[in-house]
C-alpha atoms as a PDB file:
ATOM      1  CA  MET A   1     158.195 117.913-113.083  1.00  0.00           C
ATOM      2  CA  ASN A   2     159.872 118.587-116.727  1.00  0.00           C
ATOM      3  CA  GLN A   3     159.071 121.556-119.415  1.00  0.00           C
ATOM      4  CA  GLN A   4     155.732 119.983-120.658  1.00  0.00           C
ATOM      5  CA  ASP A   5     154.399 119.368-117.615  1.00  0.00           C
ATOM      6  CA  ARG A   6     154.907 122.769-116.085  1.00  0.00           C
ATOM      7  CA  LYS A   7     153.383 124.246-119.766  1.00  0.00           C
ATOM      8  CA  GLU A   8     150.460 121.962-119.050  1.00  0.00           C
ATOM      9  CA  PHE A   9     150.211 123.093-115.497  1.00  0.00           C
ATOM     10  CA  ASP A  10     149.974 126.617-116.604  1.00  0.00           C
ATOM     11  CA  ILE A  11     147.280 126.016-118.827  1.00  0.00           C
ATOM     12  CA  ILE A  12     145.089 124.110-116.347  1.00  0.00           C
ATOM     13  CA  HIS A  13     145.901 127.086-114.089  1.00  0.00           C
ATOM     14  CA  LEU A  14     145.134 129.610-116.514  1.00  0.00           C
ATOM     15  CA  LYS A  15     141.648 127.517-117.313  1.00  0.00           C
ATOM     16  CA  ILE A  16     140.625 127.514-113.549  1.00  0.00           C
ATOM     17  CA  ASP A  17     141.415 130.964-113.198  1.00  0.00           C
ATOM     18  CA  GLY A  18     139.294 131.996-116.378  1.00  0.00           C
ATOM     19  CA  MET A  19     136.443 129.681-114.649  1.00  0.00           C
ATOM     20  CA  LYS A  20     136.911 131.535-111.653  1.00  0.00           C
ATOM     21  CA  GLU A  21     136.268 134.816-113.402  1.00  0.00           C
ATOM     22  CA  ASP A  22     133.255 133.373-115.117  1.00  0.00           C
ATOM     23  CA  ILE A  23     131.817 132.159-111.991  1.00  0.00           C
ATOM     24  CA  THR A  24     132.243 135.893-110.665  1.00  0.00           C
ATOM     25  CA  GLU A  25     130.776 137.425-113.225  1.00  0.00           C
ATOM     26  CA  LEU A  26     128.020 135.040-113.074  1.00  0.00           C
ATOM     27  CA  ARG A  27     127.155 135.690-109.791  1.00  0.00           C
ATOM     28  CA  ARG A  28     127.297 139.444-110.591  1.00  0.00           C
ATOM     29  CA  GLU A  29     124.828 139.050-113.227  1.00  0.00           C
ATOM     30  CA  MET A  30     122.633 136.841-111.144  1.00  0.00           C
ATOM     31  CA  ASP A  31     122.025 139.041-108.378  1.00  0.00           C
ATOM     32  CA  VAL A  32     121.320 142.182-110.895  1.00  0.00           C
ATOM     33  CA  ALA A  33     118.908 139.808-112.045  1.00  0.00           C
ATOM     34  CA  HIS A  34     117.683 138.790-108.971  1.00  0.00           C
ATOM     35  CA  LYS A  35     117.054 142.763-107.863  1.00  0.00           C
ATOM     36  CA  ARG A  36     115.508 143.326-110.941  1.00  0.00           C
ATOM     37  CA  THR A  37     112.963 140.600-110.499  1.00  0.00           C
ATOM     38  CA  GLU A  38     112.425 141.950-106.646  1.00  0.00           C
ATOM     39  CA  GLU A  39     111.557 145.390-108.019  1.00  0.00           C
ATOM     40  CA  SER A  40     108.595 143.513-110.604  1.00  0.00           C
ATOM     41  CA  LEU A  41     107.566 141.548-108.035  1.00  0.00           C
ATOM     42  CA  SER A  42     107.079 144.516-105.570  1.00  0.00           C
ATOM     43  CA  PHE A  43     105.784 146.272-108.444  1.00  0.00           C
ATOM     44  CA  ILE A  44     103.091 143.701-109.102  1.00  0.00           C
ATOM     45  CA  LYS A  45     102.388 143.166-105.660  1.00  0.00           C
ATOM     46  CA  GLU A  46     101.763 146.612-104.898  1.00  0.00           C
ATOM     47  CA  ASN A  47      99.489 146.734-107.900  1.00  0.00           C
ATOM     48  CA  LEU A  48      97.337 143.911-106.915  1.00  0.00           C
ATOM     49  CA  PHE A  49      96.923 143.926-102.992  1.00  0.00           C
ATOM     50  CA  ASN A  50      97.107 147.909-102.429  1.00  0.00           C
ATOM     51  CA  PRO A  51      93.834 148.296-100.308  1.00  0.00           C
ATOM     52  CA  HIS A  52      93.255 151.940-101.788  1.00  0.00           C
ATOM     53  CA  GLU A  53      94.510 151.696-105.424  1.00  0.00           C
ATOM     54  CA  GLY A  54      95.297 148.501-106.356  1.00  0.00           C
ATOM     55  CA  LEU A  55      93.389 145.350-108.368  1.00  0.00           C
ATOM     56  CA  TRP A  56      91.987 144.058-104.877  1.00  0.00           C
ATOM     57  CA  ALA A  57      90.367 147.692-104.290  1.00  0.00           C
ATOM     58  CA  GLU A  58      88.764 147.767-107.835  1.00  0.00           C
ATOM     59  CA  THR A  59      87.375 144.133-107.338  1.00  0.00           C
ATOM     60  CA  LYS A  60      85.963 145.211-104.045  1.00  0.00           C
ATOM     61  CA  GLN A  61      84.072 148.380-105.420  1.00  0.00           C
ATOM     62  CA  ASN A  62      82.836 145.682-108.218  1.00  0.00           C
ATOM     63  CA  SER A  63      81.553 143.822-105.914  1.00  0.00           C
ATOM     64  CA  GLN A  64      80.054 146.535-103.837  1.00  0.00           C
ATOM     65  CA  PHE A  65      78.420 148.279-106.892  1.00  0.00           C
ATOM     66  CA  ARG A  66      76.693 144.299-107.461  1.00  0.00           C
ATOM     67  CA  ASP A  67      75.300 143.892-104.095  1.00  0.00           C
ATOM     68  CA  ASP A  68      74.026 147.493-104.557  1.00  0.00           C
ATOM     69  CA  SER A  69      72.405 147.150-107.897  1.00  0.00           C
ATOM     70  CA  LYS A  70      70.983 143.701-106.505  1.00  0.00           C
ATOM     71  CA  LYS A  71      68.761 145.757-104.062  1.00  0.00           C
ATOM     72  CA  TRP A  72      67.442 148.174-106.827  1.00  0.00           C
ATOM     73  CA  ARG A  73      66.707 145.435-109.544  1.00  0.00           C
ATOM     74  CA  PHE A  74      63.455 144.406-107.803  1.00  0.00           C
ATOM     75  CA  PRO A  75      61.471 147.237-107.115  1.00  0.00           C
ATOM     76  CA  ILE A  76      62.768 149.137-110.232  1.00  0.00           C
ATOM     77  CA  GLY A  77      61.400 145.847-112.378  1.00  0.00           C
ATOM     78  CA  VAL A  78      58.078 145.549-110.638  1.00  0.00           C
ATOM     79  CA  GLY A  79      57.419 149.196-111.661  1.00  0.00           C
ATOM     80  CA  PHE A  80      58.526 149.118-115.137  1.00  0.00           C
ATOM     81  CA  ILE A  81      56.686 145.797-115.265  1.00  0.00           C
ATOM     82  CA  SER A  82      53.412 147.848-113.244  1.00  0.00           C
ATOM     83  CA  LEU A  83      53.526 150.700-115.844  1.00  0.00           C
ATOM     84  CA  VAL A  84      53.329 148.091-118.852  1.00  0.00           C
ATOM     85  CA  ILE A  85      50.508 146.215-117.805  1.00  0.00           C
ATOM     86  CA  LYS A  86      48.799 150.000-116.566  1.00  0.00           C
ATOM     87  CA  ASN A  87      49.215 151.012-120.345  1.00  0.00           C
ATOM     88  CA  ILE A  88      47.810 147.790-121.512  1.00  0.00           C
ATOM     89  CA  TRP A  89      44.894 147.915-119.404  1.00  0.00           C
ATOM     90  CA  ASP A  90      44.571 151.653-120.062  1.00  0.00           C
ATOM     91  CA  SER A  91      44.649 150.663-124.040  1.00  0.00           C
ATOM     92  CA  ILE A  92      42.218 148.095-123.331  1.00  0.00           C
ATOM     93  CA  THR A  93      39.585 150.142-121.085  1.00  0.00           C
ATOM     94  CA  SER A  94      39.280 153.169-123.670  1.00  0.00           C
END
């Protein structure tokens, strides 16, 4: 191996070492990014599916309110219509 080959070998060796360092740094950055993503996903999961405070609970409360309001819609509507008819009848007969 002559001097020129040795220089080229050293340059290649340095480039390989630099690539190893870049890969190691990339792995560290990816680990940090994955941890942040896991934290974000757990936060979203907690806010969506928490049975007491999450979006799921709010949706269940909304559905329960709609079901309860449907029970009273017909009697209140009949009462209101009967009051309107009574007032019209009273105005006609008096």
